[in-house]
Amino acid sequence: MKRINFTLTLEELSLLASLASDQLFRRQFIDPRMPGYKGSPEEVARGKALVGRMRLILDAGNGHSTSATAESQPSKEREIIRKTSLSAT
């Protein structure tokens, strides 16, 4: 797969993550109710992983360099790890 790089502000990335998340919701819960819909669960899963990576970058905020090309854990597992880490401190 070919990789591309481009620059975004945190605000632009936040908007893009929000729009992508909304579209994923539509593909997962609304579109399947439409007549003739043929979904792609693999594409939805890739989209969720991508939104998760964007949110990790946004969470890191300013001053931290985070690679968006690294594979991320599914969001539920990531949330469990965060909760475990917070309760351990």
C-alpha atoms as a PDB file:
ATOM      1  CA  MET A   1       0.000   0.000   0.000  1.00  0.00           C
ATOM      2  CA  LYS A   2       1.335   3.425  -0.942  1.00  0.00           C
ATOM      3  CA  ARG A   3       1.791   5.881   1.944  1.00  0.00           C
ATOM      4  CA  ILE A   4       1.315   9.642   1.736  1.00  0.00           C
ATOM      5  CA  ASN A   5       2.153  12.433   4.174  1.00  0.00           C
ATOM      6  CA  PHE A   6       0.461  15.779   4.627  1.00  0.00           C
ATOM      7  CA  THR A   7       0.295  18.407   7.338  1.00  0.00           C
ATOM      8  CA  LEU A   8      -2.780  19.222   9.428  1.00  0.00           C
ATOM      9  CA  THR A   9      -3.401  21.422  12.421  1.00  0.00           C
ATOM     10  CA  LEU A  10      -4.850  19.765  15.528  1.00  0.00           C
ATOM     11  CA  GLU A  11      -8.143  21.509  14.816  1.00  0.00           C
ATOM     12  CA  GLU A  12      -8.236  20.136  11.263  1.00  0.00           C
ATOM     13  CA  LEU A  13      -7.388  16.646  12.492  1.00  0.00           C
ATOM     14  CA  SER A  14     -10.122  16.906  15.127  1.00  0.00           C
ATOM     15  CA  LEU A  15     -12.669  17.860  12.461  1.00  0.00           C
ATOM     16  CA  LEU A  16     -11.515  15.040  10.179  1.00  0.00           C
ATOM     17  CA  ALA A  17     -11.739  12.491  13.031  1.00  0.00           C
ATOM     18  CA  SER A  18     -15.235  13.702  13.918  1.00  0.00           C
ATOM     19  CA  LEU A  19     -16.463  13.488  10.321  1.00  0.00           C
ATOM     20  CA  ALA A  20     -14.921  10.039   9.856  1.00  0.00           C
ATOM     21  CA  SER A  21     -16.478   8.822  13.098  1.00  0.00           C
ATOM     22  CA  ASP A  22     -19.906  10.065  11.988  1.00  0.00           C
ATOM     23  CA  GLN A  23     -19.538   8.314   8.640  1.00  0.00           C
ATOM     24  CA  LEU A  24     -18.516   5.067  10.335  1.00  0.00           C
ATOM     25  CA  PHE A  25     -21.607   5.253  12.536  1.00  0.00           C
ATOM     26  CA  ARG A  26     -23.723   5.657   9.422  1.00  0.00           C
ATOM     27  CA  ARG A  27     -22.051   2.721   7.659  1.00  0.00           C
ATOM     28  CA  GLN A  28     -22.399   0.475  10.694  1.00  0.00           C
ATOM     29  CA  PHE A  29     -25.927   1.280  11.907  1.00  0.00           C
ATOM     30  CA  ILE A  30     -27.922   3.241   9.312  1.00  0.00           C
ATOM     31  CA  ASP A  31     -26.838   2.049   5.857  1.00  0.00           C
ATOM     32  CA  PRO A  32     -27.505  -1.668   6.552  1.00  0.00           C
ATOM     33  CA  ARG A  33     -31.214  -0.804   6.846  1.00  0.00           C
ATOM     34  CA  MET A  34     -31.283   0.584   3.307  1.00  0.00           C
ATOM     35  CA  PRO A  35     -32.591  -1.734   0.564  1.00  0.00           C
ATOM     36  CA  GLY A  36     -29.816  -3.291  -1.497  1.00  0.00           C
ATOM     37  CA  TYR A  37     -27.040  -2.304   0.901  1.00  0.00           C
ATOM     38  CA  LYS A  38     -23.858  -4.349   0.548  1.00  0.00           C
ATOM     39  CA  GLY A  39     -21.519  -3.556   3.412  1.00  0.00           C
ATOM     40  CA  SER A  40     -17.847  -4.120   3.931  1.00  0.00           C
ATOM     41  CA  PRO A  41     -17.082  -5.047   7.562  1.00  0.00           C
ATOM     42  CA  GLU A  42     -13.359  -5.007   6.782  1.00  0.00           C
ATOM     43  CA  GLU A  43     -13.566  -1.407   5.592  1.00  0.00           C
ATOM     44  CA  VAL A  44     -15.495  -0.349   8.695  1.00  0.00           C
ATOM     45  CA  ALA A  45     -12.895  -2.063  10.909  1.00  0.00           C
ATOM     46  CA  ARG A  46     -10.050  -0.257   9.076  1.00  0.00           C
ATOM     47  CA  GLY A  47     -11.929   3.022   9.462  1.00  0.00           C
ATOM     48  CA  LYS A  48     -12.374   2.477  13.199  1.00  0.00           C
ATOM     49  CA  ALA A  49      -8.665   1.760  13.573  1.00  0.00           C
ATOM     50  CA  LEU A  50      -7.825   4.923  11.639  1.00  0.00           C
ATOM     51  CA  VAL A  51     -10.155   7.076  13.745  1.00  0.00           C
ATOM     52  CA  GLY A  52      -8.580   5.547  16.848  1.00  0.00           C
ATOM     53  CA  ARG A  53      -5.110   6.505  15.622  1.00  0.00           C
ATOM     54  CA  MET A  54      -6.277  10.058  14.894  1.00  0.00           C
ATOM     55  CA  ARG A  55      -7.729  10.322  18.396  1.00  0.00           C
ATOM     56  CA  LEU A  56      -4.465   9.100  19.917  1.00  0.00           C
ATOM     57  CA  ILE A  57      -2.650  11.911  18.135  1.00  0.00           C
ATOM     58  CA  LEU A  58      -5.241  14.419  19.314  1.00  0.00           C
ATOM     59  CA  ASP A  59      -4.983  13.111  22.891  1.00  0.00           C
ATOM     60  CA  ALA A  60      -1.236  13.560  22.787  1.00  0.00           C
ATOM     61  CA  GLY A  61      -1.841  17.236  21.944  1.00  0.00           C
ATOM     62  CA  ASN A  62       0.908  19.744  21.432  1.00  0.00           C
ATOM     63  CA  GLY A  63       4.513  18.974  22.191  1.00  0.00           C
ATOM     64  CA  HIS A  64       4.336  15.224  21.634  1.00  0.00           C
ATOM     65  CA  SER A  65       5.317  13.482  18.449  1.00  0.00           C
ATOM     66  CA  THR A  66       3.107  10.482  17.708  1.00  0.00           C
ATOM     67  CA  SER A  67       3.338   8.247  14.690  1.00  0.00           C
ATOM     68  CA  ALA A  68       0.002   7.624  12.984  1.00  0.00           C
ATOM     69  CA  THR A  69       1.473   4.791  10.946  1.00  0.00           C
ATOM     70  CA  ALA A  70       1.817   2.417  13.889  1.00  0.00           C
ATOM     71  CA  GLU A  71      -0.837  -0.229  14.311  1.00  0.00           C
ATOM     72  CA  SER A  72      -3.152   0.569  17.184  1.00  0.00           C
ATOM     73  CA  GLN A  73      -5.158  -1.693  19.451  1.00  0.00           C
ATOM     74  CA  PRO A  74      -8.924  -1.839  19.082  1.00  0.00           C
ATOM     75  CA  SER A  75     -10.564   0.978  21.012  1.00  0.00           C
ATOM     76  CA  LYS A  76     -12.147  -1.225  23.713  1.00  0.00           C
ATOM     77  CA  GLU A  77      -8.798  -2.789  24.601  1.00  0.00           C
ATOM     78  CA  ARG A  78      -7.146   0.643  24.629  1.00  0.00           C
ATOM     79  CA  GLU A  79      -9.816   1.959  27.006  1.00  0.00           C
ATOM     80  CA  ILE A  80      -9.340  -0.994  29.368  1.00  0.00           C
ATOM     81  CA  ILE A  81      -5.588  -0.367  29.409  1.00  0.00           C
ATOM     82  CA  ARG A  82      -6.128   3.342  30.182  1.00  0.00           C
ATOM     83  CA  LYS A  83      -8.533   2.566  33.035  1.00  0.00           C
ATOM     84  CA  THR A  84      -6.128  -0.021  34.446  1.00  0.00           C
ATOM     85  CA  SER A  85      -3.220   2.417  34.204  1.00  0.00           C
ATOM     86  CA  LEU A  86      -5.172   5.205  35.893  1.00  0.00           C
ATOM     87  CA  SER A  87      -6.345   3.015  38.763  1.00  0.00           C
ATOM     88  CA  ALA A  88      -2.812   1.696  39.355  1.00  0.00           C
ATOM     89  CA  THR A  89      -1.475   5.212  40.018  1.00  0.00           C
END
